[in-house]
N, C-alpha and C. Protein backbone atom coordinates (compact mmCIF):
# COMPACT_ATOMS: atom_id res chain seq x y z
N MET A 1 36.33 -57.52 0.04
CA MET A 1 35.92 -56.83 -1.03
C MET A 1 34.51 -56.44 -0.52
N GLY A 2 33.85 -57.84 -0.35
CA GLY A 2 32.52 -57.28 -0.32
C GLY A 2 32.36 -57.03 1.20
N ASN A 3 33.43 -56.90 2.68
CA ASN A 3 33.48 -56.20 4.01
C ASN A 3 33.70 -54.63 3.47
N ARG A 4 34.56 -53.97 2.65
CA ARG A 4 34.42 -53.16 2.16
C ARG A 4 33.59 -52.37 1.50
N LEU A 5 33.02 -52.78 0.50
CA LEU A 5 31.71 -53.03 0.04
C LEU A 5 30.60 -52.05 0.89
N VAL A 6 30.24 -52.99 2.25
CA VAL A 6 29.19 -53.13 2.83
C VAL A 6 29.57 -51.94 3.95
N LEU A 7 30.95 -51.50 3.85
CA LEU A 7 31.52 -50.92 5.30
C LEU A 7 31.20 -49.48 4.61
N ALA A 8 31.51 -49.81 3.14
CA ALA A 8 31.52 -47.98 2.61
C ALA A 8 29.54 -47.86 2.23
N MET A 9 28.90 -48.61 2.04
CA MET A 9 27.19 -48.56 2.12
C MET A 9 26.63 -47.99 3.57
N VAL A 10 26.93 -48.74 4.65
CA VAL A 10 27.04 -48.26 5.98
C VAL A 10 27.62 -47.02 6.51
N ALA A 11 28.64 -46.61 6.02
CA ALA A 11 29.44 -45.33 5.98
C ALA A 11 28.40 -44.20 5.01
N ALA A 12 28.10 -44.66 4.19
CA ALA A 12 26.91 -43.44 2.69
C ALA A 12 26.08 -42.89 3.65
N VAL A 13 25.46 -44.42 4.40
CA VAL A 13 23.92 -44.29 4.75
C VAL A 13 24.06 -43.10 6.15
N ALA A 14 25.26 -43.51 7.07
CA ALA A 14 25.01 -42.88 8.50
C ALA A 14 25.45 -41.27 7.64
N ILE A 15 25.88 -41.39 6.99
CA ILE A 15 26.31 -39.67 6.24
C ILE A 15 25.27 -38.81 5.92
N VAL A 16 24.09 -39.39 5.17
CA VAL A 16 22.92 -39.34 5.08
C VAL A 16 21.58 -38.73 6.16
N ALA A 17 22.23 -40.14 7.20
CA ALA A 17 20.82 -40.09 7.78
C ALA A 17 21.43 -38.75 9.09
N VAL A 18 23.01 -38.07 9.41
CA VAL A 18 23.48 -36.77 10.12
C VAL A 18 23.19 -35.90 9.29
N GLY A 19 23.29 -36.13 8.19
CA GLY A 19 22.57 -34.69 7.26
C GLY A 19 21.47 -34.54 7.40
N GLY A 20 20.66 -35.55 7.07
CA GLY A 20 18.98 -35.00 7.66
C GLY A 20 18.87 -35.37 9.03
N ILE A 21 19.36 -35.61 9.93
CA ILE A 21 18.92 -35.00 11.42
C ILE A 21 19.56 -33.23 11.16
N GLY A 22 20.81 -33.43 10.38
CA GLY A 22 20.86 -31.42 11.13
C GLY A 22 20.08 -30.76 10.20
N PHE A 23 19.65 -31.64 9.22
CA PHE A 23 18.70 -30.45 7.80
C PHE A 23 17.35 -30.29 9.31
N ALA A 24 16.99 -31.33 9.54
CA ALA A 24 15.40 -30.95 10.39
C ALA A 24 16.01 -30.17 11.40
N ALA A 25 17.06 -30.34 12.14
CA ALA A 25 17.17 -29.96 13.74
C ALA A 25 17.32 -27.99 13.30
N PHE A 26 17.45 -27.26 11.94
CA PHE A 26 17.78 -26.60 11.85
C PHE A 26 16.43 -25.52 10.47
N THR A 27 15.76 -26.49 10.65
CA THR A 27 14.69 -26.24 9.42
C THR A 27 13.33 -26.37 10.52
N ALA A 28 12.07 -25.11 10.22
CA ALA A 28 11.08 -24.85 10.43
C ALA A 28 10.35 -24.78 9.80
N ASN A 29 9.10 -24.83 9.98
CA ASN A 29 8.16 -24.24 9.30
C ASN A 29 6.95 -23.42 10.23
N ALA A 30 6.92 -22.29 9.61
CA ALA A 30 5.81 -21.39 10.83
C ALA A 30 4.62 -21.32 9.54
N TYR A 31 2.81 -21.60 10.05
CA TYR A 31 1.81 -20.91 9.29
C TYR A 31 0.90 -20.14 10.06
N VAL A 32 0.64 -18.94 9.37
CA VAL A 32 0.00 -18.07 9.75
C VAL A 32 -1.54 -17.94 9.03
N ASN A 33 -2.46 -17.81 9.91
CA ASN A 33 -4.03 -17.90 9.39
C ASN A 33 -4.62 -16.88 9.59
N GLY A 34 -5.15 -15.35 8.73
CA GLY A 34 -5.94 -14.49 9.46
C GLY A 34 -6.79 -13.91 8.39
N THR A 35 -7.65 -12.61 8.94
CA THR A 35 -8.21 -12.44 7.57
C THR A 35 -7.80 -11.00 7.62
N ALA A 36 -8.28 -10.17 6.09
CA ALA A 36 -7.90 -8.19 5.90
C ALA A 36 -9.24 -8.55 5.04
N THR A 37 -9.64 -7.17 5.70
CA THR A 37 -10.83 -6.30 5.48
C THR A 37 -10.79 -5.39 4.12
N GLY A 38 -11.16 -5.21 2.81
CA GLY A 38 -10.77 -3.83 2.33
C GLY A 38 -11.64 -2.74 2.46
N GLY A 39 -10.98 -1.62 2.28
CA GLY A 39 -12.21 -1.09 1.95
C GLY A 39 -11.95 0.74 1.28
N ILE A 40 -12.90 1.69 1.05
CA ILE A 40 -12.51 2.69 0.69
C ILE A 40 -12.32 3.80 1.08
N ALA A 41 -10.75 4.65 0.91
CA ALA A 41 -11.18 5.90 1.48
C ALA A 41 -10.97 6.48 0.26
N GLU A 42 -12.02 7.68 0.73
CA GLU A 42 -12.57 8.78 -0.12
C GLU A 42 -12.90 10.44 0.26
N ILE A 43 -12.21 11.25 0.05
CA ILE A 43 -12.51 12.53 0.43
C ILE A 43 -13.09 13.39 -0.13
N HIS A 44 -14.22 14.08 -0.02
CA HIS A 44 -14.86 15.31 -1.13
C HIS A 44 -15.34 16.66 -0.01
N PHE A 45 -15.50 17.39 -0.97
CA PHE A 45 -15.98 19.03 -0.59
C PHE A 45 -17.60 18.33 -0.40
N ASN A 46 -18.41 19.17 0.22
CA ASN A 46 -19.95 18.98 0.43
C ASN A 46 -20.11 20.06 0.57
N GLY A 47 -21.01 20.89 -0.45
CA GLY A 47 -21.05 21.86 -0.25
C GLY A 47 -20.92 22.95 -0.51
N SER A 48 -21.15 24.14 -0.83
CA SER A 48 -20.49 25.75 -0.70
C SER A 48 -19.77 26.41 -0.10
N PRO A 49 -18.83 26.91 -0.34
CA PRO A 49 -17.91 27.48 0.44
C PRO A 49 -18.32 28.94 1.14
N VAL A 50 -17.91 29.61 2.57
CA VAL A 50 -17.86 30.38 2.74
C VAL A 50 -16.97 31.33 2.15
N VAL A 51 -17.03 32.68 1.86
CA VAL A 51 -15.86 33.24 1.67
C VAL A 51 -15.57 34.76 2.78
N SER A 52 -14.25 34.98 2.88
CA SER A 52 -14.13 35.76 3.42
C SER A 52 -13.41 36.71 3.18
N SER A 53 -13.49 37.84 3.75
CA SER A 53 -12.26 38.97 2.97
C SER A 53 -11.45 40.24 3.86
N TYR A 54 -10.70 40.63 3.19
CA TYR A 54 -10.18 41.70 4.84
C TYR A 54 -9.22 42.26 3.29
N GLY A 55 -9.90 43.57 3.03
CA GLY A 55 -9.00 44.72 2.46
C GLY A 55 -9.82 44.89 1.90
N SER A 56 -9.31 46.47 1.19
CA SER A 56 -9.71 48.13 0.60
C SER A 56 -10.44 47.40 -0.60
N TYR A 57 -9.62 46.54 -2.11
CA TYR A 57 -10.32 46.65 -2.94
C TYR A 57 -10.71 45.02 -3.40
N VAL A 58 -10.45 43.64 -2.51
CA VAL A 58 -10.57 42.60 -2.51
C VAL A 58 -11.75 42.00 -3.01
N ALA A 59 -11.61 41.72 -3.51
CA ALA A 59 -12.95 40.53 -4.42
C ALA A 59 -12.25 39.10 -4.18
N CYS A 60 -13.21 38.55 -3.39
CA CYS A 60 -12.86 36.66 -3.37
C CYS A 60 -12.37 36.24 -4.71
N GLY A 61 -13.90 36.39 -5.10
CA GLY A 61 -13.69 35.95 -6.73
C GLY A 61 -14.14 34.06 -6.00
N SER A 62 -13.82 33.12 -6.58
CA SER A 62 -15.07 32.39 -7.33
C SER A 62 -13.86 31.10 -6.58
N ALA A 63 -14.98 29.76 -6.37
CA ALA A 63 -14.18 28.57 -5.94
C ALA A 63 -15.49 27.58 -6.44
N SER A 64 -14.29 26.72 -7.49
CA SER A 64 -14.76 25.58 -8.04
C SER A 64 -14.93 24.15 -7.39
N PHE A 65 -14.82 23.41 -7.60
CA PHE A 65 -14.53 22.05 -6.99
C PHE A 65 -14.68 21.25 -8.02
N SER A 66 -13.88 19.97 -8.14
CA SER A 66 -13.91 18.77 -9.18
C SER A 66 -13.18 18.00 -8.97
N SER A 67 -12.90 16.90 -9.37
CA SER A 67 -12.07 15.64 -9.04
C SER A 67 -11.37 15.23 -9.36
N TYR A 68 -10.58 14.48 -9.05
CA TYR A 68 -9.22 14.47 -9.16
C TYR A 68 -8.19 12.96 -8.61
N GLN A 69 -8.51 12.11 -9.61
CA GLN A 69 -7.64 10.13 -9.45
C GLN A 69 -8.91 9.94 -8.12
N ASP A 70 -9.97 10.17 -8.16
CA ASP A 70 -11.19 9.92 -7.40
C ASP A 70 -12.13 8.64 -8.08
N PRO A 71 -11.61 7.31 -7.65
CA PRO A 71 -12.60 6.43 -7.81
C PRO A 71 -14.63 7.34 -7.95
N LEU A 72 -14.78 7.12 -7.16
CA LEU A 72 -16.64 7.70 -6.74
C LEU A 72 -17.00 9.01 -7.38
N SER A 73 -15.73 9.60 -8.50
CA SER A 73 -16.11 10.71 -8.59
C SER A 73 -16.75 12.06 -8.09
N ASP A 74 -16.30 12.19 -7.21
CA ASP A 74 -16.80 13.33 -5.88
C ASP A 74 -15.78 14.30 -5.51
N ASP A 75 -16.35 15.74 -5.40
CA ASP A 75 -15.77 16.52 -5.59
C ASP A 75 -14.23 16.40 -4.69
N ASN A 76 -12.90 16.66 -5.01
CA ASN A 76 -12.05 16.70 -3.79
C ASN A 76 -10.82 17.75 -4.07
N VAL A 77 -11.50 18.37 -5.58
CA VAL A 77 -9.92 19.51 -5.83
C VAL A 77 -11.02 21.08 -5.97
N MET A 78 -10.44 21.97 -4.81
CA MET A 78 -11.23 23.16 -4.86
C MET A 78 -10.07 24.07 -5.54
N THR A 79 -11.06 24.54 -6.61
CA THR A 79 -10.24 25.65 -7.79
C THR A 79 -10.65 26.97 -7.21
N VAL A 80 -9.24 27.89 -6.75
CA VAL A 80 -10.11 28.84 -6.69
C VAL A 80 -9.29 30.44 -7.37
N ALA A 81 -10.59 30.81 -7.70
CA ALA A 81 -9.23 32.45 -8.50
C ALA A 81 -9.29 33.24 -7.82
N PRO A 82 -8.92 34.36 -6.99
CA PRO A 82 -9.28 35.71 -6.34
C PRO A 82 -8.67 36.70 -7.18
N THR A 83 -9.28 37.30 -7.21
CA THR A 83 -9.79 39.10 -7.72
C THR A 83 -9.13 40.39 -7.14
N GLY A 84 -8.71 41.31 -7.77
CA GLY A 84 -8.47 42.23 -6.71
C GLY A 84 -7.75 42.56 -5.72
N PHE A 85 -7.32 42.16 -5.32
CA PHE A 85 -6.29 42.32 -4.46
C PHE A 85 -4.93 43.82 -4.46
N ALA A 86 -4.85 44.12 -3.28
CA ALA A 86 -3.94 45.08 -3.39
C ALA A 86 -3.33 44.88 -2.57
N PRO A 87 -2.02 45.31 -1.83
CA PRO A 87 -1.15 44.77 -0.91
C PRO A 87 -1.53 44.32 0.35
N THR A 88 -1.23 43.17 1.25
CA THR A 88 -2.04 42.84 2.30
C THR A 88 -2.78 42.77 2.20
N ASP A 89 -3.87 42.31 1.28
CA ASP A 89 -5.10 42.37 2.04
C ASP A 89 -5.53 40.34 1.41
N TRP A 90 -6.87 39.53 2.08
CA TRP A 90 -6.40 38.42 1.91
C TRP A 90 -7.66 38.07 1.48
N CYS A 91 -8.13 36.54 1.44
CA CYS A 91 -9.63 36.00 1.40
C CYS A 91 -8.99 34.63 2.16
N GLU A 92 -10.36 33.99 2.74
CA GLU A 92 -10.94 33.09 2.97
C GLU A 92 -11.64 32.00 2.64
N PHE A 93 -11.44 30.94 1.86
CA PHE A 93 -12.48 30.25 1.56
C PHE A 93 -12.76 29.16 2.50
N SER A 94 -14.10 28.84 3.56
CA SER A 94 -13.89 28.01 3.99
C SER A 94 -15.07 26.69 3.49
N GLU A 95 -14.60 25.39 3.23
CA GLU A 95 -15.41 24.44 3.20
C GLU A 95 -15.53 23.24 3.40
N GLN A 96 -16.56 22.37 4.38
CA GLN A 96 -17.24 21.00 4.68
C GLN A 96 -16.47 20.55 3.48
N ALA A 97 -15.91 19.67 4.27
CA ALA A 97 -15.26 18.15 3.29
C ALA A 97 -16.04 16.98 4.06
N VAL A 98 -16.10 15.81 3.58
CA VAL A 98 -16.38 14.77 4.02
C VAL A 98 -15.66 13.59 3.23
N ASN A 99 -15.43 12.75 4.96
CA ASN A 99 -14.97 10.87 4.50
C ASN A 99 -16.01 10.28 4.31
N GLY A 100 -16.42 10.51 3.05
CA GLY A 100 -17.40 9.06 1.83
C GLY A 100 -16.94 7.72 2.02
N GLY A 101 -15.93 7.49 2.70
CA GLY A 101 -15.66 6.14 2.15
C GLY A 101 -16.01 5.22 4.21
N SER A 102 -15.57 3.74 3.43
CA SER A 102 -16.17 2.86 4.60
C SER A 102 -14.69 3.15 5.67
N VAL A 103 -13.52 3.41 5.11
CA VAL A 103 -12.53 3.04 6.33
C VAL A 103 -12.17 4.87 7.08
N GLY A 104 -11.30 4.49 8.24
CA GLY A 104 -11.23 6.19 9.07
C GLY A 104 -10.17 6.75 8.40
N VAL A 105 -10.18 7.68 7.43
CA VAL A 105 -8.67 8.25 7.42
C VAL A 105 -8.25 9.34 7.68
N ASN A 106 -6.48 9.51 7.30
CA ASN A 106 -6.07 10.82 7.80
C ASN A 106 -5.97 11.66 6.33
N VAL A 107 -5.64 13.07 6.02
CA VAL A 107 -6.02 13.73 5.17
C VAL A 107 -5.12 14.75 5.06
N ALA A 108 -4.46 14.56 3.66
CA ALA A 108 -3.12 15.85 3.81
C ALA A 108 -3.82 16.66 2.50
N SER A 109 -3.36 17.88 2.01
CA SER A 109 -3.56 18.48 1.73
C SER A 109 -2.39 19.23 0.43
N SER A 110 -2.84 19.34 -1.08
CA SER A 110 -1.39 19.83 -1.14
C SER A 110 -1.84 20.99 -2.21
N PHE A 111 -1.18 22.02 -2.47
CA PHE A 111 -1.62 23.28 -3.53
C PHE A 111 -0.70 22.91 -4.62
N GLY A 112 -1.49 23.67 -5.86
CA GLY A 112 -0.99 23.14 -7.16
C GLY A 112 -1.69 24.04 -8.13
N SER A 113 -1.07 23.54 -9.58
CA SER A 113 -1.50 24.60 -10.65
C SER A 113 -1.45 26.06 -10.17
N GLU A 114 -0.42 26.13 -9.90
CA GLU A 114 -0.68 27.97 -9.38
C GLU A 114 -0.26 28.67 -11.02
N SER A 115 -1.31 29.96 -11.01
CA SER A 115 -0.76 30.30 -11.82
C SER A 115 -0.89 31.73 -12.16
N ILE A 116 -0.80 32.75 -12.48
CA ILE A 116 -0.91 34.25 -12.42
C ILE A 116 -1.53 34.78 -13.82
N SER A 117 -2.74 35.78 -13.72
CA SER A 117 -2.86 36.60 -14.54
C SER A 117 -3.42 37.77 -15.03
N GLY A 118 -3.21 38.48 -15.52
CA GLY A 118 -3.05 39.74 -15.62
C GLY A 118 -1.59 40.70 -14.44
N GLY A 119 -1.89 42.05 -14.33
CA GLY A 119 -0.54 42.46 -13.43
C GLY A 119 0.63 42.41 -14.45
N ASN A 120 1.56 43.09 -13.93
CA ASN A 120 2.87 43.31 -15.14
C ASN A 120 4.26 42.93 -14.46
N GLY A 121 4.38 41.71 -14.28
CA GLY A 121 5.43 41.15 -13.93
C GLY A 121 5.06 40.52 -11.85
N CYS A 122 3.85 40.35 -11.49
CA CYS A 122 3.82 39.33 -10.91
C CYS A 122 4.02 38.36 -10.06
N THR A 123 4.49 37.79 -9.17
CA THR A 123 4.91 36.47 -9.69
C THR A 123 3.78 35.72 -8.08
N VAL A 124 4.20 34.41 -8.87
CA VAL A 124 3.47 33.50 -7.80
C VAL A 124 4.10 33.49 -6.23
N GLY A 125 5.11 33.61 -6.40
CA GLY A 125 6.05 33.63 -5.51
C GLY A 125 5.53 35.38 -4.17
N GLU A 126 4.84 36.58 -4.88
CA GLU A 126 4.71 37.53 -3.85
C GLU A 126 3.34 36.93 -3.47
N TRP A 127 2.84 35.95 -3.16
CA TRP A 127 1.43 35.31 -2.85
C TRP A 127 1.57 33.96 -1.52
N THR A 128 0.83 34.43 -0.84
CA THR A 128 0.86 32.93 0.25
C THR A 128 -0.23 32.57 0.12
N LEU A 129 -0.50 31.34 0.08
CA LEU A 129 -1.32 29.88 0.18
C LEU A 129 -1.26 29.63 1.83
N SER A 130 -1.67 29.06 2.41
CA SER A 130 -2.21 28.32 3.48
C SER A 130 -3.53 27.64 4.18
N ASP A 131 -3.62 26.66 4.52
CA ASP A 131 -4.48 25.92 4.75
C ASP A 131 -4.95 25.70 6.54
N ASN A 132 -5.90 25.03 6.74
CA ASN A 132 -5.84 24.32 8.54
C ASN A 132 -5.24 23.03 8.51
N GLY A 133 -4.73 22.49 6.98
CA GLY A 133 -4.81 21.04 7.46
C GLY A 133 -2.86 20.55 8.21
N PRO A 134 -3.33 19.30 8.04
CA PRO A 134 -3.54 18.10 7.93
C PRO A 134 -4.90 17.14 9.51
N TRP A 135 -5.85 16.87 8.84
CA TRP A 135 -6.89 16.84 9.68
C TRP A 135 -6.21 14.95 9.58
N THR A 136 -6.40 14.45 10.58
CA THR A 136 -6.25 13.11 11.22
C THR A 136 -7.38 12.19 12.20
N GLY A 137 -7.51 10.97 11.68
CA GLY A 137 -8.59 10.29 12.54
C GLY A 137 -10.20 10.60 11.94
N VAL A 138 -10.30 10.64 10.46
CA VAL A 138 -11.64 11.05 10.17
C VAL A 138 -12.70 10.09 10.07
N ALA A 139 -13.30 9.91 10.97
CA ALA A 139 -14.23 8.48 10.64
C ALA A 139 -14.69 8.44 9.56
N PRO A 140 -15.25 7.32 9.17
CA PRO A 140 -16.84 6.81 8.01
C PRO A 140 -17.42 8.42 8.13
N GLY A 141 -18.08 9.09 7.10
CA GLY A 141 -19.24 9.75 7.21
C GLY A 141 -18.81 11.14 7.95
N GLY A 142 -17.50 10.91 8.93
CA GLY A 142 -16.96 12.34 9.74
C GLY A 142 -16.86 13.46 8.80
N THR A 143 -17.07 14.38 9.11
CA THR A 143 -16.89 15.82 8.35
C THR A 143 -15.95 16.75 9.37
N PHE A 144 -15.06 17.40 8.16
CA PHE A 144 -14.28 18.26 8.77
C PHE A 144 -14.16 19.65 7.52
N THR A 145 -13.82 20.89 8.21
CA THR A 145 -13.75 22.64 7.51
C THR A 145 -12.27 22.95 7.14
N VAL A 146 -12.28 22.66 5.62
CA VAL A 146 -10.83 22.53 5.28
C VAL A 146 -11.36 24.50 5.00
N SER A 147 -9.93 24.97 5.57
CA SER A 147 -9.97 26.99 5.51
C SER A 147 -8.80 26.86 4.46
N VAL A 148 -8.88 27.99 3.20
CA VAL A 148 -7.97 28.22 2.56
C VAL A 148 -7.52 29.66 2.42
N THR A 149 -6.37 29.60 3.18
CA THR A 149 -6.44 31.05 2.68
C THR A 149 -5.07 32.01 1.29
N VAL A 150 -5.86 32.86 0.89
CA VAL A 150 -5.17 33.75 0.42
C VAL A 150 -4.81 35.07 0.39
N TYR A 151 -3.16 35.43 0.32
CA TYR A 151 -2.96 36.54 1.12
C TYR A 151 -1.95 37.59 0.49
N LEU A 152 -2.05 38.33 -0.08
CA LEU A 152 -0.78 39.59 -1.58
C LEU A 152 -0.26 39.70 0.27
N GLY A 153 1.36 39.39 -0.02
CA GLY A 153 1.76 40.72 0.69
C GLY A 153 2.31 41.91 0.59
N ASN A 154 3.60 42.46 0.66
CA ASN A 154 3.92 43.87 0.76
C ASN A 154 4.50 44.10 -0.99
N ALA A 155 3.51 43.64 -2.21
CA ALA A 155 4.03 43.45 -3.59
C ALA A 155 3.97 44.90 -3.34
N GLY A 156 4.43 44.99 -4.90
CA GLY A 156 4.69 46.74 -5.66
C GLY A 156 3.26 46.71 -6.44
N ASN A 157 3.17 47.72 -7.55
CA ASN A 157 2.79 48.05 -8.47
C ASN A 157 2.09 46.70 -9.82
N GLU A 158 3.68 45.76 -9.57
CA GLU A 158 3.80 44.63 -10.09
C GLU A 158 2.22 43.56 -10.38
N CYS A 159 1.85 43.68 -8.98
CA CYS A 159 0.85 42.67 -8.95
C CYS A 159 -0.96 43.38 -9.24
N GLN A 160 -1.12 44.65 -9.18
CA GLN A 160 -2.11 45.57 -9.57
C GLN A 160 -2.98 45.03 -10.90
N GLY A 161 -3.78 44.39 -10.35
CA GLY A 161 -4.60 43.95 -11.50
C GLY A 161 -4.73 42.27 -11.37
N ALA A 162 -3.78 41.81 -10.93
CA ALA A 162 -3.49 40.51 -10.82
C ALA A 162 -4.43 39.66 -10.50
N THR A 163 -4.09 38.08 -11.18
CA THR A 163 -5.36 36.86 -10.11
C THR A 163 -4.35 35.99 -10.48
N LEU A 164 -4.22 35.74 -9.00
CA LEU A 164 -3.70 34.33 -8.56
C LEU A 164 -4.67 32.91 -8.61
N SER A 165 -4.95 32.21 -9.38
CA SER A 165 -5.32 30.81 -9.62
C SER A 165 -4.45 29.74 -9.17
N PHE A 166 -5.27 28.93 -8.64
CA PHE A 166 -4.17 27.61 -7.58
C PHE A 166 -5.66 26.47 -7.49
N GLN A 167 -5.49 25.55 -7.31
CA GLN A 167 -5.77 24.20 -6.30
C GLN A 167 -5.12 24.01 -5.53
N ASP A 168 -6.52 23.36 -4.23
CA ASP A 168 -6.63 22.84 -3.11
C ASP A 168 -7.04 21.18 -3.39
N THR A 169 -5.90 20.55 -2.92
CA THR A 169 -6.10 19.10 -3.51
C THR A 169 -6.16 18.19 -2.61
N LEU A 170 -7.43 17.74 -1.29
CA LEU A 170 -7.25 16.80 -0.37
C LEU A 170 -6.72 15.03 -0.74
N VAL A 171 -6.43 14.61 -0.40
CA VAL A 171 -5.95 13.48 -0.19
C VAL A 171 -5.95 12.26 1.31
N GLY A 172 -6.69 11.32 1.41
CA GLY A 172 -6.89 10.67 2.12
C GLY A 172 -6.09 9.51 1.99
N THR A 173 -5.16 9.10 2.90
CA THR A 173 -5.28 7.90 3.21
C THR A 173 -5.92 7.16 4.50
N SER A 174 -5.83 5.59 4.31
CA SER A 174 -6.27 4.82 5.25
C SER A 174 -5.48 4.90 6.92
N TYR A 175 -6.04 4.96 8.19
CA TYR A 175 -5.37 4.70 8.94
C TYR A 175 -5.34 3.32 9.65
N ALA A 176 -7.05 2.60 9.26
CA ALA A 176 -7.06 1.30 9.88
C ALA A 176 -6.77 0.64 9.69
């Protein structure tokens, strides 16, 4: 009985040893050391817009600037309210923008908050909005020109006296 007990214990130790060796053979650890530096991606308009127009009745109206989700409270939203359009008239608002952050950015823009006032049944779909973005590889302190064009197509009398208001928002994403 004693030999069987010793033999069973030797077998148990052998099984544990083989299992441990097998575990060790298929287990590995890797350690990575490194550093990361954070920065701020911050885009804003810088100065007053230059306004150009084409058409017999168009009065390009106004452009104002405001902040949107910007921790540094600089202006990165252009709000435009051009007036007095006749069919095929257009206005262009050009403005310098700057990367005021500490990292390089790629900048995209998006139009929003489009609304019509005045007119008689004129719709947002009768207007075309465009800009010259996106802008890539803007280094910290780098400037770029944002040009927004508002165009009234071949609309009918329903757009007489209508004003289109909208926002163009700039968003910078770090590429560094």
